[in-house]
Each structure stands twice: as structure tokens, then as C-alpha cells.
Amino acid sequence: MSKLALLSIALATVVLPLVAARDPNPRRALKKALVWVLSFNLFFVFFLRVVVPRLG
């Protein structure tokens, strides 16, 4: 489980800004990247604090 968690963090750190960079407007792309990374981090914290303890 820990390897999957680390892999998802690494992928999100690379993939989310890459997807946002396709936007032709640089400011909007930066905002998208920041919002997506922040929302991923919030979801990940929720997952680690609530879901993972219930699994084991």
C-alpha cells in the first residue's frame, strides 16, 4: 500500500502540471495546476487519515 501511495504522489506531481500546461494562457494554466495539485493533496490526506486506517 505504501508503494502505491508514493507512486501516486510522484505521478500527480508530474502529470497534473503537464496537463495544465496545455492551456495557451499561462496564468490560467498556473491556476489550474495549483488547484489540481491542492485538491489532489486534500484528497490524499483524507484518504490517508480516514480510508487507510479502516483497511487494516
PDB file of N, CA and C in Angstrom:
ATOM      1  N   MET A   1       0.817  -1.196   0.000  1.00  0.00           N
ATOM      2  CA  MET A   1       0.000   0.000   0.000  1.00  0.00           C
ATOM      3  C   MET A   1       0.861   1.260   0.000  1.00  0.00           C
ATOM      4  N   SER A   2       1.975   1.244   0.740  1.00  0.00           N
ATOM      5  CA  SER A   2       2.812   2.442   0.818  1.00  0.00           C
ATOM      6  C   SER A   2       3.488   2.735  -0.515  1.00  0.00           C
ATOM      7  N   LYS A   3       3.855   1.695  -1.265  1.00  0.00           N
ATOM      8  CA  LYS A   3       4.472   1.923  -2.571  1.00  0.00           C
ATOM      9  C   LYS A   3       3.480   2.563  -3.536  1.00  0.00           C
ATOM     10  N   LEU A   4       2.235   2.133  -3.467  1.00  0.00           N
ATOM     11  CA  LEU A   4       1.201   2.715  -4.314  1.00  0.00           C
ATOM     12  C   LEU A   4       0.952   4.175  -3.942  1.00  0.00           C
ATOM     13  N   ALA A   5       0.976   4.478  -2.657  1.00  0.00           N
ATOM     14  CA  ALA A   5       0.786   5.861  -2.212  1.00  0.00           C
ATOM     15  C   ALA A   5       1.924   6.744  -2.711  1.00  0.00           C
ATOM     16  N   LEU A   6       3.154   6.280  -2.595  1.00  0.00           N
ATOM     17  CA  LEU A   6       4.292   7.060  -3.062  1.00  0.00           C
ATOM     18  C   LEU A   6       4.269   7.233  -4.572  1.00  0.00           C
ATOM     19  N   LEU A   7       3.873   6.209  -5.286  1.00  0.00           N
ATOM     20  CA  LEU A   7       3.781   6.295  -6.739  1.00  0.00           C
ATOM     21  C   LEU A   7       2.709   7.304  -7.159  1.00  0.00           C
ATOM     22  N   SER A   8       1.579   7.315  -6.470  1.00  0.00           N
ATOM     23  CA  SER A   8       0.520   8.256  -6.832  1.00  0.00           C
ATOM     24  C   SER A   8       0.960   9.695  -6.589  1.00  0.00           C
ATOM     25  N   ILE A   9       1.727   9.949  -5.527  1.00  0.00           N
ATOM     26  CA  ILE A   9       2.238  11.297  -5.277  1.00  0.00           C
ATOM     27  C   ILE A   9       3.203  11.706  -6.386  1.00  0.00           C
ATOM     28  N   ALA A  10       4.082  10.811  -6.758  1.00  0.00           N
ATOM     29  CA  ALA A  10       5.050  11.123  -7.817  1.00  0.00           C
ATOM     30  C   ALA A  10       4.349  11.387  -9.146  1.00  0.00           C
ATOM     31  N   LEU A  11       3.369  10.579  -9.469  1.00  0.00           N
ATOM     32  CA  LEU A  11       2.639  10.774 -10.722  1.00  0.00           C
ATOM     33  C   LEU A  11       1.853  12.079 -10.717  1.00  0.00           C
ATOM     34  N   ALA A  12       1.198  12.383  -9.609  1.00  0.00           N
ATOM     35  CA  ALA A  12       0.416  13.612  -9.535  1.00  0.00           C
ATOM     36  C   ALA A  12       1.309  14.839  -9.625  1.00  0.00           C
ATOM     37  N   THR A  13       2.499  14.760  -9.055  1.00  0.00           N
ATOM     38  CA  THR A  13       3.423  15.882  -9.104  1.00  0.00           C
ATOM     39  C   THR A  13       3.878  16.174 -10.533  1.00  0.00           C
ATOM     40  N   VAL A  14       3.939  15.163 -11.353  1.00  0.00           N
ATOM     41  CA  VAL A  14       4.392  15.339 -12.730  1.00  0.00           C
ATOM     42  C   VAL A  14       3.222  15.527 -13.686  1.00  0.00           C
ATOM     43  N   VAL A  15       2.204  14.698 -13.575  1.00  0.00           N
ATOM     44  CA  VAL A  15       1.133  14.656 -14.575  1.00  0.00           C
ATOM     45  C   VAL A  15       0.203  15.862 -14.494  1.00  0.00           C
ATOM     46  N   LEU A  16      -0.201  16.267 -13.314  1.00  0.00           N
ATOM     47  CA  LEU A  16      -1.163  17.370 -13.203  1.00  0.00           C
ATOM     48  C   LEU A  16      -0.633  18.674 -13.795  1.00  0.00           C
ATOM     49  N   PRO A  17       0.591  19.094 -13.493  1.00  0.00           N
ATOM     50  CA  PRO A  17       1.097  20.298 -14.170  1.00  0.00           C
ATOM     51  C   PRO A  17       1.290  20.118 -15.679  1.00  0.00           C
ATOM     52  N   LEU A  18       1.635  18.909 -16.112  1.00  0.00           N
ATOM     53  CA  LEU A  18       1.763  18.677 -17.555  1.00  0.00           C
ATOM     54  C   LEU A  18       0.427  18.865 -18.268  1.00  0.00           C
ATOM     55  N   VAL A  19      -0.628  18.370 -17.665  1.00  0.00           N
ATOM     56  CA  VAL A  19      -1.952  18.518 -18.275  1.00  0.00           C
ATOM     57  C   VAL A  19      -2.369  19.984 -18.284  1.00  0.00           C
ATOM     58  N   ALA A  20      -2.106  20.695 -17.187  1.00  0.00           N
ATOM     59  CA  ALA A  20      -2.477  22.101 -17.116  1.00  0.00           C
ATOM     60  C   ALA A  20      -1.641  22.952 -18.072  1.00  0.00           C
ATOM     61  N   ALA A  21      -0.448  22.539 -18.390  1.00  0.00           N
ATOM     62  CA  ALA A  21       0.436  23.315 -19.264  1.00  0.00           C
ATOM     63  C   ALA A  21      -0.055  23.362 -20.708  1.00  0.00           C
ATOM     64  N   ARG A  22      -0.990  22.528 -21.056  1.00  0.00           N
ATOM     65  CA  ARG A  22      -1.521  22.549 -22.427  1.00  0.00           C
ATOM     66  C   ARG A  22      -2.402  23.769 -22.695  1.00  0.00           C
ATOM     67  N   ASP A  23      -2.806  24.462 -21.640  1.00  0.00           N
ATOM     68  CA  ASP A  23      -3.629  25.655 -21.794  1.00  0.00           C
ATOM     69  C   ASP A  23      -2.784  26.773 -22.416  1.00  0.00           C
ATOM     70  N   PRO A  24      -3.294  27.458 -23.425  1.00  0.00           N
ATOM     71  CA  PRO A  24      -2.493  28.506 -24.068  1.00  0.00           C
ATOM     72  C   PRO A  24      -2.272  29.742 -23.185  1.00  0.00           C
ATOM     73  N   ASN A  25      -3.139  29.972 -22.233  1.00  0.00           N
ATOM     74  CA  ASN A  25      -2.996  31.113 -21.333  1.00  0.00           C
ATOM     75  C   ASN A  25      -2.148  30.694 -20.126  1.00  0.00           C
ATOM     76  N   PRO A  26      -0.971  31.280 -19.938  1.00  0.00           N
ATOM     77  CA  PRO A  26      -0.072  30.834 -18.860  1.00  0.00           C
ATOM     78  C   PRO A  26      -0.639  31.046 -17.456  1.00  0.00           C
ATOM     79  N   ARG A  27      -1.332  32.161 -17.239  1.00  0.00           N
ATOM     80  CA  ARG A  27      -1.905  32.411 -15.906  1.00  0.00           C
ATOM     81  C   ARG A  27      -2.978  31.381 -15.560  1.00  0.00           C
ATOM     82  N   ARG A  28      -3.832  31.106 -16.529  1.00  0.00           N
ATOM     83  CA  ARG A  28      -4.891  30.130 -16.309  1.00  0.00           C
ATOM     84  C   ARG A  28      -4.305  28.740 -16.111  1.00  0.00           C
ATOM     85  N   ALA A  29      -3.251  28.422 -16.841  1.00  0.00           N
ATOM     86  CA  ALA A  29      -2.592  27.126 -16.680  1.00  0.00           C
ATOM     87  C   ALA A  29      -1.982  26.993 -15.294  1.00  0.00           C
ATOM     88  N   LEU A  30      -1.354  28.052 -14.804  1.00  0.00           N
ATOM     89  CA  LEU A  30      -0.783  28.024 -13.464  1.00  0.00           C
ATOM     90  C   LEU A  30      -1.872  27.841 -12.415  1.00  0.00           C
ATOM     91  N   LYS A  31      -2.974  28.553 -12.559  1.00  0.00           N
ATOM     92  CA  LYS A  31      -4.087  28.419 -11.618  1.00  0.00           C
ATOM     93  C   LYS A  31      -4.650  27.000 -11.644  1.00  0.00           C
ATOM     94  N   LYS A  32      -4.796  26.440 -12.833  1.00  0.00           N
ATOM     95  CA  LYS A  32      -5.293  25.068 -12.952  1.00  0.00           C
ATOM     96  C   LYS A  32      -4.357  24.091 -12.255  1.00  0.00           C
ATOM     97  N   ALA A  33      -3.082  24.237 -12.515  1.00  0.00           N
ATOM     98  CA  ALA A  33      -2.105  23.327 -11.911  1.00  0.00           C
ATOM     99  C   ALA A  33      -2.145  23.429 -10.397  1.00  0.00           C
ATOM    100  N   LEU A  34      -2.190  24.643  -9.872  1.00  0.00           N
ATOM    101  CA  LEU A  34      -2.216  24.820  -8.420  1.00  0.00           C
ATOM    102  C   LEU A  34      -3.497  24.264  -7.796  1.00  0.00           C
ATOM    103  N   VAL A  35      -4.623  24.503  -8.432  1.00  0.00           N
ATOM    104  CA  VAL A  35      -5.900  23.995  -7.906  1.00  0.00           C
ATOM    105  C   VAL A  35      -5.927  22.477  -7.949  1.00  0.00           C
ATOM    106  N   TRP A  36      -5.461  21.899  -9.045  1.00  0.00           N
ATOM    107  CA  TRP A  36      -5.472  20.440  -9.171  1.00  0.00           C
ATOM    108  C   TRP A  36      -4.540  19.779  -8.165  1.00  0.00           C
ATOM    109  N   VAL A  37      -3.346  20.341  -7.989  1.00  0.00           N
ATOM    110  CA  VAL A  37      -2.397  19.762  -7.035  1.00  0.00           C
ATOM    111  C   VAL A  37      -2.920  19.925  -5.614  1.00  0.00           C
ATOM    112  N   LEU A  38      -3.479  21.080  -5.302  1.00  0.00           N
ATOM    113  CA  LEU A  38      -4.048  21.292  -3.972  1.00  0.00           C
ATOM    114  C   LEU A  38      -5.213  20.342  -3.704  1.00  0.00           C
ATOM    115  N   SER A  39      -6.100  20.171  -4.677  1.00  0.00           N
ATOM    116  CA  SER A  39      -7.231  19.257  -4.475  1.00  0.00           C
ATOM    117  C   SER A  39      -6.757  17.808  -4.368  1.00  0.00           C
ATOM    118  N   PHE A  40      -5.743  17.437  -5.135  1.00  0.00           N
ATOM    119  CA  PHE A  40      -5.185  16.092  -5.005  1.00  0.00           C
ATOM    120  C   PHE A  40      -4.619  15.879  -3.602  1.00  0.00           C
ATOM    121  N   ASN A  41      -3.886  16.879  -3.111  1.00  0.00           N
ATOM    122  CA  ASN A  41      -3.300  16.762  -1.776  1.00  0.00           C
ATOM    123  C   ASN A  41      -4.368  16.651  -0.694  1.00  0.00           C
ATOM    124  N   LEU A  42      -5.440  17.416  -0.808  1.00  0.00           N
ATOM    125  CA  LEU A  42      -6.528  17.320   0.171  1.00  0.00           C
ATOM    126  C   LEU A  42      -7.190  15.944   0.124  1.00  0.00           C
ATOM    127  N   PHE A  43      -7.424  15.444  -1.076  1.00  0.00           N
ATOM    128  CA  PHE A  43      -7.997  14.116  -1.207  1.00  0.00           C
ATOM    129  C   PHE A  43      -7.055  13.055  -0.642  1.00  0.00           C
ATOM    130  N   PHE A  44      -5.767  13.222  -0.889  1.00  0.00           N
ATOM    131  CA  PHE A  44      -4.784  12.251  -0.416  1.00  0.00           C
ATOM    132  C   PHE A  44      -4.711  12.240   1.112  1.00  0.00           C
ATOM    133  N   VAL A  45      -4.762  13.410   1.720  1.00  0.00           N
ATOM    134  CA  VAL A  45      -4.759  13.483   3.191  1.00  0.00           C
ATOM    135  C   VAL A  45      -6.014  12.821   3.742  1.00  0.00           C
ATOM    136  N   PHE A  46      -7.163  13.085   3.126  1.00  0.00           N
ATOM    137  CA  PHE A  46      -8.399  12.427   3.553  1.00  0.00           C
ATOM    138  C   PHE A  46      -8.271  10.916   3.435  1.00  0.00           C
ATOM    139  N   PHE A  47      -7.720  10.463   2.320  1.00  0.00           N
ATOM    140  CA  PHE A  47      -7.545   9.037   2.100  1.00  0.00           C
ATOM    141  C   PHE A  47      -6.651   8.417   3.170  1.00  0.00           C
ATOM    142  N   LEU A  48      -5.542   9.073   3.480  1.00  0.00           N
ATOM    143  CA  LEU A  48      -4.619   8.536   4.476  1.00  0.00           C
ATOM    144  C   LEU A  48      -5.188   8.581   5.889  1.00  0.00           C
ATOM    145  N   ARG A  49      -5.956   9.607   6.207  1.00  0.00           N
ATOM    146  CA  ARG A  49      -6.465   9.763   7.572  1.00  0.00           C
ATOM    147  C   ARG A  49      -7.738   8.951   7.831  1.00  0.00           C
ATOM    148  N   VAL A  50      -8.550   8.720   6.813  1.00  0.00           N
ATOM    149  CA  VAL A  50      -9.852   8.067   7.015  1.00  0.00           C
ATOM    150  C   VAL A  50      -9.903   6.664   6.428  1.00  0.00           C
ATOM    151  N   VAL A  51      -9.512   6.507   5.188  1.00  0.00           N
ATOM    152  CA  VAL A  51      -9.714   5.236   4.483  1.00  0.00           C
ATOM    153  C   VAL A  51      -8.668   4.198   4.906  1.00  0.00           C
ATOM    154  N   VAL A  52      -7.402   4.565   4.908  1.00  0.00           N
ATOM    155  CA  VAL A  52      -6.340   3.598   5.186  1.00  0.00           C
ATOM    156  C   VAL A  52      -6.471   2.976   6.572  1.00  0.00           C
ATOM    157  N   PRO A  53      -6.755   3.730   7.647  1.00  0.00           N
ATOM    158  CA  PRO A  53      -6.909   3.071   8.949  1.00  0.00           C
ATOM    159  C   PRO A  53      -8.058   2.050   8.996  1.00  0.00           C
ATOM    160  N   ARG A  54      -9.079   2.262   8.192  1.00  0.00           N
ATOM    161  CA  ARG A  54     -10.208   1.316   8.179  1.00  0.00           C
ATOM    162  C   ARG A  54      -9.880   0.032   7.413  1.00  0.00           C
ATOM    163  N   LEU A  55      -8.848   0.082   6.574  1.00  0.00           N
ATOM    164  CA  LEU A  55      -8.470  -1.110   5.821  1.00  0.00           C
ATOM    165  C   LEU A  55      -7.757  -2.148   6.673  1.00  0.00           C
ATOM    166  N   GLY A  56      -6.996  -1.681   7.641  1.00  0.00           N
ATOM    167  CA  GLY A  56      -6.190  -2.636   8.369  1.00  0.00           C
ATOM    168  C   GLY A  56      -6.385  -2.524   9.814  1.00  0.00           C
TER     169      GLY A  56
END
